[in-house]
Amino acid sequence: MSSFFRAMALVLLMGSCGGGSGEFSAPRELDNACSIVSERPEYLRAFQQVERRYGVPVPSLMAIIYQESKFIGDNRPPHQYALGVIPVGRQSSAVGYSQALDGTWKEYQEEVAGSRARREDIFAATDFMGWYMAQTVEETGVPIHDTRNQYLAYHDGRTGYQRGTWRSKSWLVRIAGEVEARAVLYDTQLRGCGKI
């Protein structure tokens, strides 16, 4: 019987080792834009496609992805617990690099990408972000290069942004400032290493 338990322990141990370093893991140096795109050249191709198609600057896109998912392709919000121990679901339906919600992602699939597009795919996720931000320009007038206000509209939704829901969220205003500062940092770095 003890060999059975040893075999089960081995299976559990092997299973627990498989999750963290797969294809959806974050790049190693998230504070260095040049390192990110050198380690993951497909990211730069995706970012440049979005810049050509929608006009979203590469550094802005990268800064928003950093804030939303830390470049973890299958990122999800944490579970919520009733009474501190009973799992009752996740805080939202956000998934992937862009943290797109189910309803908005479905709208994007219907209008642009088709049903096979996945939030865990860097090309689809960044195209979604470009599409969403271009609509923000049309509906709110926020310029595509205004990283701070684009992020506020991305986080609170365009309707929430226009209503000013973000004004009562000092934490969100602070984070939007951090996203803007990161975009400036990434821009400087990418220009320094000749990637933009």
N, C-alpha and C. Protein backbone atom coordinates (compact mmCIF):
# COMPACT_ATOMS: atom_id res chain seq x y z
N MET A 1 0.81 -1.20 0.00
CA MET A 1 0.00 0.00 0.00
C MET A 1 0.86 1.26 0.00
N SER A 2 2.03 1.21 0.63
CA SER A 2 2.87 2.40 0.68
C SER A 2 3.39 2.79 -0.71
N SER A 3 3.59 1.83 -1.61
CA SER A 3 4.02 2.17 -2.96
C SER A 3 2.92 2.94 -3.70
N PHE A 4 1.67 2.64 -3.40
CA PHE A 4 0.55 3.38 -3.98
C PHE A 4 0.62 4.85 -3.55
N PHE A 5 0.85 5.09 -2.26
CA PHE A 5 0.93 6.46 -1.75
C PHE A 5 2.13 7.21 -2.32
N ARG A 6 3.25 6.48 -2.48
CA ARG A 6 4.42 7.11 -3.09
C ARG A 6 4.13 7.51 -4.53
N ALA A 7 3.45 6.63 -5.26
CA ALA A 7 3.10 6.93 -6.65
C ALA A 7 2.16 8.13 -6.72
N MET A 8 1.18 8.19 -5.82
CA MET A 8 0.25 9.33 -5.80
C MET A 8 0.99 10.63 -5.47
N ALA A 9 1.90 10.55 -4.51
CA ALA A 9 2.68 11.75 -4.14
C ALA A 9 3.51 12.23 -5.32
N LEU A 10 4.10 11.30 -6.06
CA LEU A 10 4.90 11.66 -7.22
C LEU A 10 4.03 12.33 -8.30
N VAL A 11 2.86 11.78 -8.54
CA VAL A 11 1.93 12.36 -9.53
C VAL A 11 1.53 13.77 -9.11
N LEU A 12 1.21 13.96 -7.84
CA LEU A 12 0.83 15.29 -7.35
C LEU A 12 1.99 16.27 -7.45
N LEU A 13 3.18 15.82 -7.11
CA LEU A 13 4.36 16.67 -7.19
C LEU A 13 4.63 17.10 -8.63
N MET A 14 4.56 16.17 -9.54
CA MET A 14 4.80 16.49 -10.95
C MET A 14 3.73 17.44 -11.47
N GLY A 15 2.49 17.21 -11.07
CA GLY A 15 1.41 18.08 -11.50
C GLY A 15 1.56 19.49 -10.98
N SER A 16 2.06 19.64 -9.77
CA SER A 16 2.21 20.97 -9.20
C SER A 16 3.36 21.74 -9.83
N CYS A 17 4.28 21.07 -10.47
CA CYS A 17 5.42 21.75 -11.09
C CYS A 17 5.10 22.29 -12.48
N GLY A 18 4.01 21.90 -13.05
CA GLY A 18 3.77 22.21 -14.45
C GLY A 18 3.17 23.55 -14.76
N GLY A 19 2.66 24.33 -13.79
CA GLY A 19 1.87 25.48 -14.14
C GLY A 19 2.58 26.78 -14.41
N GLY A 20 3.61 27.15 -13.66
CA GLY A 20 4.05 28.52 -13.65
C GLY A 20 4.93 28.98 -14.78
N SER A 21 5.61 28.14 -15.51
CA SER A 21 6.60 28.62 -16.46
C SER A 21 6.23 28.30 -17.90
N GLY A 22 4.97 28.15 -18.18
CA GLY A 22 4.52 27.80 -19.52
C GLY A 22 4.50 28.97 -20.46
N GLU A 23 3.78 28.80 -21.54
CA GLU A 23 3.75 29.79 -22.60
C GLU A 23 3.10 31.10 -22.19
N PHE A 24 2.37 31.13 -21.08
CA PHE A 24 1.67 32.35 -20.67
C PHE A 24 2.41 33.13 -19.59
N SER A 25 3.58 32.68 -19.18
CA SER A 25 4.31 33.35 -18.11
C SER A 25 4.79 34.72 -18.56
N ALA A 26 5.07 35.57 -17.58
CA ALA A 26 5.54 36.93 -17.87
C ALA A 26 7.01 36.92 -18.28
N PRO A 27 7.41 37.89 -19.09
CA PRO A 27 8.84 38.06 -19.36
C PRO A 27 9.59 38.36 -18.05
N ARG A 28 10.89 38.20 -18.07
CA ARG A 28 11.68 38.31 -16.83
C ARG A 28 11.80 39.74 -16.30
N GLU A 29 12.08 40.73 -17.14
CA GLU A 29 12.37 42.09 -16.68
C GLU A 29 11.26 43.05 -17.12
N LEU A 30 10.21 43.16 -16.32
CA LEU A 30 9.05 43.96 -16.71
C LEU A 30 9.29 45.46 -16.66
N ASP A 31 10.37 45.89 -16.02
CA ASP A 31 10.69 47.31 -15.97
C ASP A 31 11.59 47.74 -17.12
N ASN A 32 11.88 46.82 -18.02
CA ASN A 32 12.77 47.11 -19.15
C ASN A 32 12.09 46.71 -20.46
N ALA A 33 11.58 47.71 -21.17
CA ALA A 33 10.84 47.45 -22.41
C ALA A 33 11.70 46.74 -23.45
N CYS A 34 12.98 47.09 -23.52
CA CYS A 34 13.87 46.47 -24.50
C CYS A 34 14.03 44.99 -24.19
N SER A 35 14.15 44.67 -22.91
CA SER A 35 14.27 43.28 -22.49
C SER A 35 13.00 42.50 -22.82
N ILE A 36 11.85 43.12 -22.58
CA ILE A 36 10.56 42.46 -22.86
C ILE A 36 10.47 42.06 -24.32
N VAL A 37 10.74 43.02 -25.23
CA VAL A 37 10.56 42.73 -26.65
C VAL A 37 11.70 41.89 -27.22
N SER A 38 12.87 41.89 -26.55
CA SER A 38 13.94 40.99 -26.98
C SER A 38 13.64 39.56 -26.58
N GLU A 39 13.10 39.40 -25.37
CA GLU A 39 12.74 38.06 -24.90
C GLU A 39 11.54 37.51 -25.65
N ARG A 40 10.61 38.37 -26.00
CA ARG A 40 9.38 37.97 -26.68
C ARG A 40 9.19 38.81 -27.96
N PRO A 41 9.91 38.49 -29.03
CA PRO A 41 9.82 39.30 -30.25
C PRO A 41 8.40 39.32 -30.85
N GLU A 42 7.62 38.29 -30.57
CA GLU A 42 6.24 38.28 -31.08
C GLU A 42 5.42 39.40 -30.44
N TYR A 43 5.77 39.80 -29.22
CA TYR A 43 5.07 40.93 -28.59
C TYR A 43 5.27 42.19 -29.42
N LEU A 44 6.51 42.47 -29.80
CA LEU A 44 6.78 43.68 -30.57
C LEU A 44 6.03 43.66 -31.89
N ARG A 45 5.98 42.50 -32.55
CA ARG A 45 5.21 42.41 -33.80
C ARG A 45 3.73 42.73 -33.55
N ALA A 46 3.18 42.20 -32.47
CA ALA A 46 1.77 42.46 -32.14
C ALA A 46 1.56 43.94 -31.83
N PHE A 47 2.46 44.54 -31.04
CA PHE A 47 2.33 45.95 -30.68
C PHE A 47 2.41 46.84 -31.92
N GLN A 48 3.35 46.51 -32.82
CA GLN A 48 3.52 47.33 -34.02
C GLN A 48 2.32 47.21 -34.95
N GLN A 49 1.71 46.02 -35.03
CA GLN A 49 0.50 45.86 -35.84
C GLN A 49 -0.62 46.77 -35.32
N VAL A 50 -0.76 46.82 -34.00
CA VAL A 50 -1.80 47.66 -33.40
C VAL A 50 -1.51 49.13 -33.65
N GLU A 51 -0.25 49.51 -33.55
CA GLU A 51 0.10 50.91 -33.80
C GLU A 51 -0.22 51.28 -35.25
N ARG A 52 0.11 50.40 -36.20
CA ARG A 52 -0.21 50.68 -37.62
C ARG A 52 -1.71 50.72 -37.85
N ARG A 53 -2.44 49.81 -37.26
CA ARG A 53 -3.88 49.69 -37.54
C ARG A 53 -4.72 50.76 -36.83
N TYR A 54 -4.39 51.02 -35.55
CA TYR A 54 -5.24 51.90 -34.75
C TYR A 54 -4.55 53.19 -34.29
N GLY A 55 -3.23 53.27 -34.43
CA GLY A 55 -2.51 54.45 -34.01
C GLY A 55 -2.10 54.47 -32.55
N VAL A 56 -2.32 53.38 -31.82
CA VAL A 56 -1.96 53.32 -30.40
C VAL A 56 -0.44 53.20 -30.29
N PRO A 57 0.22 54.12 -29.59
CA PRO A 57 1.67 54.02 -29.45
C PRO A 57 2.08 52.74 -28.72
N VAL A 58 3.13 52.12 -29.19
CA VAL A 58 3.64 50.88 -28.59
C VAL A 58 3.86 51.05 -27.08
N PRO A 59 4.53 52.13 -26.62
CA PRO A 59 4.76 52.25 -25.17
C PRO A 59 3.47 52.34 -24.35
N SER A 60 2.46 53.01 -24.88
CA SER A 60 1.18 53.11 -24.17
C SER A 60 0.54 51.73 -24.04
N LEU A 61 0.54 51.01 -25.13
CA LEU A 61 -0.03 49.66 -25.12
C LEU A 61 0.69 48.78 -24.10
N MET A 62 2.01 48.84 -24.11
CA MET A 62 2.79 48.04 -23.18
C MET A 62 2.51 48.43 -21.73
N ALA A 63 2.39 49.72 -21.46
CA ALA A 63 2.16 50.18 -20.09
C ALA A 63 0.79 49.72 -19.59
N ILE A 64 -0.21 49.73 -20.46
CA ILE A 64 -1.54 49.28 -20.05
C ILE A 64 -1.55 47.77 -19.83
N ILE A 65 -0.88 47.03 -20.69
CA ILE A 65 -0.78 45.57 -20.48
C ILE A 65 -0.06 45.28 -19.17
N TYR A 66 1.01 46.01 -18.90
CA TYR A 66 1.70 45.81 -17.62
C TYR A 66 0.73 45.98 -16.46
N GLN A 67 -0.04 47.06 -16.49
CA GLN A 67 -0.96 47.32 -15.39
C GLN A 67 -2.07 46.28 -15.29
N GLU A 68 -2.59 45.87 -16.43
CA GLU A 68 -3.73 44.96 -16.42
C GLU A 68 -3.35 43.53 -16.09
N SER A 69 -2.25 43.03 -16.61
CA SER A 69 -1.95 41.60 -16.47
C SER A 69 -0.51 41.27 -16.14
N LYS A 70 0.35 42.28 -16.07
CA LYS A 70 1.80 42.06 -15.88
C LYS A 70 2.35 41.12 -16.95
N PHE A 71 1.75 41.17 -18.15
CA PHE A 71 2.18 40.37 -19.31
C PHE A 71 1.99 38.86 -19.08
N ILE A 72 1.07 38.48 -18.23
CA ILE A 72 0.75 37.07 -18.01
C ILE A 72 -0.44 36.74 -18.92
N GLY A 73 -0.21 35.89 -19.90
CA GLY A 73 -1.18 35.65 -20.95
C GLY A 73 -2.50 35.05 -20.52
N ASP A 74 -2.50 34.26 -19.44
CA ASP A 74 -3.75 33.65 -18.99
C ASP A 74 -4.18 34.20 -17.63
N ASN A 75 -3.78 35.42 -17.35
CA ASN A 75 -4.08 36.06 -16.07
C ASN A 75 -5.60 36.17 -15.86
N ARG A 76 -6.02 35.95 -14.62
CA ARG A 76 -7.42 36.10 -14.22
C ARG A 76 -7.48 36.79 -12.87
N PRO A 77 -8.56 37.50 -12.59
CA PRO A 77 -8.70 38.09 -11.26
C PRO A 77 -8.78 36.99 -10.19
N PRO A 78 -8.44 37.33 -8.95
CA PRO A 78 -8.48 36.32 -7.89
C PRO A 78 -9.91 35.87 -7.58
N HIS A 79 -10.00 34.71 -6.96
CA HIS A 79 -11.30 34.22 -6.50
C HIS A 79 -11.79 35.04 -5.33
N GLN A 80 -13.10 35.12 -5.19
CA GLN A 80 -13.71 35.70 -4.00
C GLN A 80 -14.17 34.55 -3.11
N TYR A 81 -14.19 34.81 -1.81
CA TYR A 81 -14.57 33.77 -0.85
C TYR A 81 -15.63 34.30 0.10
N ALA A 82 -16.67 33.50 0.29
CA ALA A 82 -17.67 33.81 1.31
C ALA A 82 -17.15 33.27 2.64
N LEU A 83 -17.34 34.02 3.68
CA LEU A 83 -16.87 33.63 5.02
C LEU A 83 -15.38 33.35 5.05
N GLY A 84 -14.66 33.86 4.05
CA GLY A 84 -13.22 33.71 4.01
C GLY A 84 -12.71 32.37 3.52
N VAL A 85 -13.59 31.39 3.30
CA VAL A 85 -13.12 30.06 2.90
C VAL A 85 -13.90 29.40 1.77
N ILE A 86 -15.13 29.82 1.52
CA ILE A 86 -15.96 29.17 0.51
C ILE A 86 -15.82 29.92 -0.81
N PRO A 87 -15.21 29.28 -1.84
CA PRO A 87 -15.05 29.98 -3.12
C PRO A 87 -16.41 30.26 -3.77
N VAL A 88 -16.60 31.51 -4.20
CA VAL A 88 -17.87 31.90 -4.83
C VAL A 88 -17.68 32.48 -6.23
N GLY A 89 -16.49 32.32 -6.80
CA GLY A 89 -16.24 32.82 -8.15
C GLY A 89 -15.21 33.92 -8.16
N ARG A 90 -14.91 34.40 -9.34
CA ARG A 90 -13.90 35.43 -9.49
C ARG A 90 -14.54 36.82 -9.40
N GLN A 91 -13.70 37.82 -9.16
CA GLN A 91 -14.18 39.19 -9.02
C GLN A 91 -14.79 39.72 -10.31
N SER A 92 -14.30 39.25 -11.45
CA SER A 92 -14.86 39.66 -12.75
C SER A 92 -14.54 38.58 -13.77
N SER A 93 -15.04 38.78 -14.99
CA SER A 93 -14.81 37.80 -16.07
C SER A 93 -13.57 38.13 -16.88
N ALA A 94 -12.74 39.05 -16.40
CA ALA A 94 -11.53 39.47 -17.13
C ALA A 94 -10.57 38.30 -17.31
N VAL A 95 -9.95 38.23 -18.50
CA VAL A 95 -9.00 37.16 -18.80
C VAL A 95 -7.91 37.71 -19.71
N GLY A 96 -6.71 37.19 -19.56
CA GLY A 96 -5.64 37.39 -20.53
C GLY A 96 -4.85 38.67 -20.38
N TYR A 97 -4.02 38.91 -21.39
CA TYR A 97 -3.15 40.08 -21.41
C TYR A 97 -3.92 41.38 -21.21
N SER A 98 -5.06 41.49 -21.89
CA SER A 98 -5.83 42.74 -21.90
C SER A 98 -6.84 42.83 -20.77
N GLN A 99 -7.08 41.72 -20.08
CA GLN A 99 -8.10 41.65 -19.03
C GLN A 99 -9.47 42.08 -19.57
N ALA A 100 -9.74 41.69 -20.80
CA ALA A 100 -11.03 42.00 -21.43
C ALA A 100 -12.14 41.20 -20.75
N LEU A 101 -13.25 41.87 -20.49
CA LEU A 101 -14.42 41.22 -19.89
C LEU A 101 -15.17 40.42 -20.95
N ASP A 102 -15.91 39.43 -20.51
CA ASP A 102 -16.64 38.55 -21.43
C ASP A 102 -17.48 39.32 -22.45
N GLY A 103 -18.30 40.25 -21.97
CA GLY A 103 -19.22 40.96 -22.86
C GLY A 103 -18.51 41.81 -23.89
N THR A 104 -17.47 42.52 -23.48
CA THR A 104 -16.72 43.37 -24.40
C THR A 104 -15.94 42.52 -25.39
N TRP A 105 -15.39 41.40 -24.90
CA TRP A 105 -14.66 40.50 -25.79
C TRP A 105 -15.59 39.91 -26.84
N LYS A 106 -16.79 39.55 -26.44
CA LYS A 106 -17.76 38.99 -27.38
C LYS A 106 -18.11 40.02 -28.46
N GLU A 107 -18.27 41.26 -28.04
CA GLU A 107 -18.54 42.35 -29.00
C GLU A 107 -17.39 42.48 -30.00
N TYR A 108 -16.17 42.42 -29.50
CA TYR A 108 -14.99 42.49 -30.36
C TYR A 108 -14.96 41.31 -31.33
N GLN A 109 -15.24 40.11 -30.84
CA GLN A 109 -15.26 38.93 -31.71
C GLN A 109 -16.29 39.10 -32.82
N GLU A 110 -17.48 39.58 -32.46
CA GLU A 110 -18.55 39.74 -33.46
C GLU A 110 -18.24 40.81 -34.48
N GLU A 111 -17.61 41.91 -34.04
CA GLU A 111 -17.36 43.03 -34.94
C GLU A 111 -16.06 42.93 -35.72
N VAL A 112 -15.05 42.25 -35.12
CA VAL A 112 -13.71 42.33 -35.71
C VAL A 112 -13.07 40.97 -35.95
N ALA A 113 -12.93 40.18 -34.90
CA ALA A 113 -11.97 39.08 -34.92
C ALA A 113 -12.54 37.70 -35.20
N GLY A 114 -13.81 37.50 -35.00
CA GLY A 114 -14.38 36.17 -35.15
C GLY A 114 -14.31 35.37 -33.85
N SER A 115 -15.03 34.29 -33.83
CA SER A 115 -15.19 33.52 -32.59
C SER A 115 -13.95 32.76 -32.16
N ARG A 116 -12.97 32.61 -33.03
CA ARG A 116 -11.76 31.86 -32.66
C ARG A 116 -10.72 32.72 -31.94
N ALA A 117 -10.90 34.03 -31.91
CA ALA A 117 -9.95 34.91 -31.23
C ALA A 117 -9.95 34.60 -29.73
N ARG A 118 -8.77 34.55 -29.14
CA ARG A 118 -8.61 34.20 -27.73
C ARG A 118 -7.89 35.31 -26.98
N ARG A 119 -8.35 35.60 -25.78
CA ARG A 119 -7.75 36.64 -24.95
C ARG A 119 -6.35 36.28 -24.50
N GLU A 120 -6.01 35.00 -24.55
CA GLU A 120 -4.68 34.55 -24.14
C GLU A 120 -3.65 34.67 -25.26
N ASP A 121 -4.07 35.10 -26.44
CA ASP A 121 -3.19 35.28 -27.59
C ASP A 121 -2.77 36.74 -27.66
N ILE A 122 -1.48 37.01 -27.68
CA ILE A 122 -0.99 38.39 -27.65
C ILE A 122 -1.48 39.20 -28.84
N PHE A 123 -1.60 38.59 -30.01
CA PHE A 123 -2.05 39.33 -31.19
C PHE A 123 -3.52 39.72 -31.07
N ALA A 124 -4.36 38.80 -30.64
CA ALA A 124 -5.78 39.11 -30.47
C ALA A 124 -5.99 40.08 -29.32
N ALA A 125 -5.29 39.87 -28.21
CA ALA A 125 -5.47 40.73 -27.03
C ALA A 125 -5.07 42.17 -27.33
N THR A 126 -3.95 42.36 -28.02
CA THR A 126 -3.52 43.72 -28.32
C THR A 126 -4.39 44.36 -29.40
N ASP A 127 -4.86 43.55 -30.37
CA ASP A 127 -5.77 44.10 -31.37
C ASP A 127 -7.07 44.55 -30.70
N PHE A 128 -7.54 43.77 -29.74
CA PHE A 128 -8.73 44.16 -28.96
C PHE A 128 -8.50 45.51 -28.30
N MET A 129 -7.33 45.67 -27.68
CA MET A 129 -7.04 46.92 -26.98
C MET A 129 -7.02 48.10 -27.95
N GLY A 130 -6.41 47.90 -29.11
CA GLY A 130 -6.39 48.96 -30.12
C GLY A 130 -7.79 49.32 -30.59
N TRP A 131 -8.60 48.29 -30.85
CA TRP A 131 -9.99 48.49 -31.27
C TRP A 131 -10.76 49.27 -30.21
N TYR A 132 -10.59 48.87 -28.96
CA TYR A 132 -11.31 49.52 -27.86
C TYR A 132 -10.86 50.98 -27.71
N MET A 133 -9.57 51.20 -27.79
CA MET A 133 -9.05 52.55 -27.61
C MET A 133 -9.44 53.46 -28.79
N ALA A 134 -9.49 52.92 -29.99
CA ALA A 134 -9.94 53.70 -31.14
C ALA A 134 -11.41 54.10 -30.97
N GLN A 135 -12.21 53.20 -30.42
CA GLN A 135 -13.62 53.55 -30.15
C GLN A 135 -13.72 54.62 -29.06
N THR A 136 -12.78 54.57 -28.11
CA THR A 136 -12.74 55.59 -27.06
C THR A 136 -12.51 56.97 -27.68
N VAL A 137 -11.63 57.04 -28.66
CA VAL A 137 -11.39 58.30 -29.36
C VAL A 137 -12.69 58.80 -29.99
N GLU A 138 -13.39 57.90 -30.70
CA GLU A 138 -14.62 58.28 -31.39
C GLU A 138 -15.71 58.72 -30.42
N GLU A 139 -15.88 57.99 -29.33
CA GLU A 139 -17.00 58.25 -28.42
C GLU A 139 -16.72 59.33 -27.38
N THR A 140 -15.48 59.53 -27.00
CA THR A 140 -15.18 60.47 -25.91
C THR A 140 -14.31 61.64 -26.33
N GLY A 141 -13.60 61.49 -27.44
CA GLY A 141 -12.68 62.53 -27.87
C GLY A 141 -11.31 62.45 -27.21
N VAL A 142 -11.08 61.45 -26.35
CA VAL A 142 -9.76 61.30 -25.72
C VAL A 142 -8.77 60.92 -26.81
N PRO A 143 -7.71 61.70 -26.99
CA PRO A 143 -6.72 61.40 -28.03
C PRO A 143 -6.07 60.02 -27.81
N ILE A 144 -5.72 59.36 -28.89
CA ILE A 144 -5.14 58.03 -28.83
C ILE A 144 -3.79 58.05 -28.10
N HIS A 145 -3.09 59.18 -28.09
CA HIS A 145 -1.79 59.29 -27.43
C HIS A 145 -1.90 59.68 -25.95
N ASP A 146 -3.09 59.93 -25.46
CA ASP A 146 -3.31 60.34 -24.06
C ASP A 146 -3.42 59.08 -23.20
N THR A 147 -2.28 58.54 -22.82
CA THR A 147 -2.24 57.25 -22.11
C THR A 147 -3.06 57.30 -20.83
N ARG A 148 -2.93 58.37 -20.08
CA ARG A 148 -3.61 58.47 -18.78
C ARG A 148 -5.13 58.35 -18.94
N ASN A 149 -5.71 59.18 -19.80
CA ASN A 149 -7.17 59.17 -19.96
C ASN A 149 -7.66 57.96 -20.74
N GLN A 150 -6.84 57.46 -21.68
CA GLN A 150 -7.21 56.21 -22.35
C GLN A 150 -7.30 55.09 -21.31
N TYR A 151 -6.35 55.07 -20.36
CA TYR A 151 -6.40 54.02 -19.33
C TYR A 151 -7.63 54.18 -18.44
N LEU A 152 -7.96 55.40 -18.05
CA LEU A 152 -9.15 55.61 -17.23
C LEU A 152 -10.40 55.11 -17.95
N ALA A 153 -10.51 55.40 -19.26
CA ALA A 153 -11.66 54.93 -20.04
C ALA A 153 -11.63 53.42 -20.23
N TYR A 154 -10.42 52.86 -20.33
CA TYR A 154 -10.28 51.40 -20.48
C TYR A 154 -10.73 50.72 -19.18
N HIS A 155 -10.32 51.26 -18.06
CA HIS A 155 -10.63 50.64 -16.77
C HIS A 155 -12.10 50.80 -16.40
N ASP A 156 -12.64 52.00 -16.51
CA ASP A 156 -14.01 52.26 -16.07
C ASP A 156 -15.04 52.14 -17.18
N GLY A 157 -14.59 51.84 -18.40
CA GLY A 157 -15.50 51.81 -19.54
C GLY A 157 -15.74 53.22 -20.05
N ARG A 158 -16.09 53.32 -21.31
CA ARG A 158 -16.28 54.65 -21.90
C ARG A 158 -17.42 55.41 -21.25
N THR A 159 -18.50 54.71 -20.95
CA THR A 159 -19.64 55.37 -20.30
C THR A 159 -19.25 55.86 -18.91
N GLY A 160 -18.57 55.00 -18.16
CA GLY A 160 -18.10 55.40 -16.83
C GLY A 160 -17.13 56.57 -16.90
N TYR A 161 -16.26 56.54 -17.90
CA TYR A 161 -15.31 57.63 -18.07
C TYR A 161 -16.06 58.94 -18.31
N GLN A 162 -17.04 58.92 -19.22
CA GLN A 162 -17.78 60.14 -19.53
C GLN A 162 -18.59 60.64 -18.34
N ARG A 163 -19.07 59.71 -17.52
CA ARG A 163 -19.79 60.11 -16.30
C ARG A 163 -18.84 60.62 -15.22
N GLY A 164 -17.57 60.32 -15.37
CA GLY A 164 -16.59 60.76 -14.38
C GLY A 164 -16.51 59.86 -13.15
N THR A 165 -16.88 58.58 -13.31
CA THR A 165 -16.84 57.66 -12.16
C THR A 165 -15.45 57.55 -11.56
N TRP A 166 -14.42 57.73 -12.37
CA TRP A 166 -13.04 57.63 -11.91
C TRP A 166 -12.66 58.75 -10.95
N ARG A 167 -13.36 59.87 -11.00
CA ARG A 167 -13.00 61.01 -10.15
C ARG A 167 -13.12 60.69 -8.66
N SER A 168 -14.01 59.77 -8.31
CA SER A 168 -14.18 59.41 -6.89
C SER A 168 -13.29 58.24 -6.48
N LYS A 169 -12.42 57.81 -7.37
CA LYS A 169 -11.53 56.68 -7.10
C LYS A 169 -10.09 57.19 -7.09
N SER A 170 -9.64 57.69 -5.97
CA SER A 170 -8.29 58.26 -5.90
C SER A 170 -7.23 57.22 -6.25
N TRP A 171 -7.49 55.95 -5.89
CA TRP A 171 -6.54 54.88 -6.22
C TRP A 171 -6.41 54.71 -7.73
N LEU A 172 -7.53 54.86 -8.47
CA LEU A 172 -7.49 54.69 -9.92
C LEU A 172 -6.79 55.88 -10.59
N VAL A 173 -7.03 57.07 -10.08
CA VAL A 173 -6.35 58.25 -10.61
C VAL A 173 -4.84 58.10 -10.41
N ARG A 174 -4.42 57.59 -9.25
CA ARG A 174 -3.01 57.35 -8.98
C ARG A 174 -2.44 56.32 -9.95
N ILE A 175 -3.17 55.22 -10.15
CA ILE A 175 -2.71 54.16 -11.06
C ILE A 175 -2.63 54.68 -12.49
N ALA A 176 -3.60 55.48 -12.92
CA ALA A 176 -3.55 56.05 -14.27
C ALA A 176 -2.30 56.89 -14.46
N GLY A 177 -1.91 57.62 -13.42
CA GLY A 177 -0.66 58.38 -13.46
C GLY A 177 0.55 57.47 -13.57
N GLU A 178 0.51 56.33 -12.87
CA GLU A 178 1.60 55.36 -12.94
C GLU A 178 1.68 54.73 -14.33
N VAL A 179 0.53 54.46 -14.94
CA VAL A 179 0.51 53.90 -16.29
C VAL A 179 1.12 54.90 -17.27
N GLU A 180 0.75 56.16 -17.12
CA GLU A 180 1.31 57.19 -17.99
C GLU A 180 2.83 57.29 -17.82
N ALA A 181 3.30 57.26 -16.57
CA ALA A 181 4.74 57.34 -16.30
C ALA A 181 5.47 56.12 -16.87
N ARG A 182 4.86 54.95 -16.78
CA ARG A 182 5.48 53.74 -17.33
C ARG A 182 5.55 53.84 -18.85
N ALA A 183 4.53 54.41 -19.49
CA ALA A 183 4.56 54.58 -20.95
C ALA A 183 5.72 55.49 -21.35
N VAL A 184 5.95 56.55 -20.58
CA VAL A 184 7.08 57.45 -20.86
C VAL A 184 8.41 56.70 -20.69
N LEU A 185 8.52 55.91 -19.62
CA LEU A 185 9.72 55.10 -19.38
C LEU A 185 9.94 54.13 -20.53
N TYR A 186 8.90 53.38 -20.90
CA TYR A 186 9.02 52.41 -22.00
C TYR A 186 9.39 53.11 -23.31
N ASP A 187 8.82 54.29 -23.55
CA ASP A 187 9.14 55.03 -24.77
C ASP A 187 10.62 55.38 -24.81
N THR A 188 11.14 55.90 -23.71
CA THR A 188 12.56 56.26 -23.63
C THR A 188 13.44 55.04 -23.86
N GLN A 189 13.08 53.94 -23.22
CA GLN A 189 13.88 52.70 -23.35
C GLN A 189 13.85 52.19 -24.78
N LEU A 190 12.67 52.13 -25.38
CA LEU A 190 12.54 51.58 -26.74
C LEU A 190 13.26 52.44 -27.76
N ARG A 191 13.24 53.75 -27.56
CA ARG A 191 14.01 54.64 -28.45
C ARG A 191 15.50 54.41 -28.26
N GLY A 192 15.91 54.19 -27.03
CA GLY A 192 17.32 53.96 -26.72
C GLY A 192 17.88 52.70 -27.34
N CYS A 193 17.05 51.66 -27.43
CA CYS A 193 17.54 50.40 -28.02
C CYS A 193 17.12 50.25 -29.48
N GLY A 194 16.53 51.30 -30.05
CA GLY A 194 16.21 51.31 -31.47
C GLY A 194 15.03 50.45 -31.89
N LYS A 195 14.11 50.17 -30.96
CA LYS A 195 12.95 49.33 -31.30
C LYS A 195 11.78 50.14 -31.82
N ILE A 196 11.80 51.47 -31.60
CA ILE A 196 10.76 52.32 -32.18
C ILE A 196 11.41 53.58 -32.75
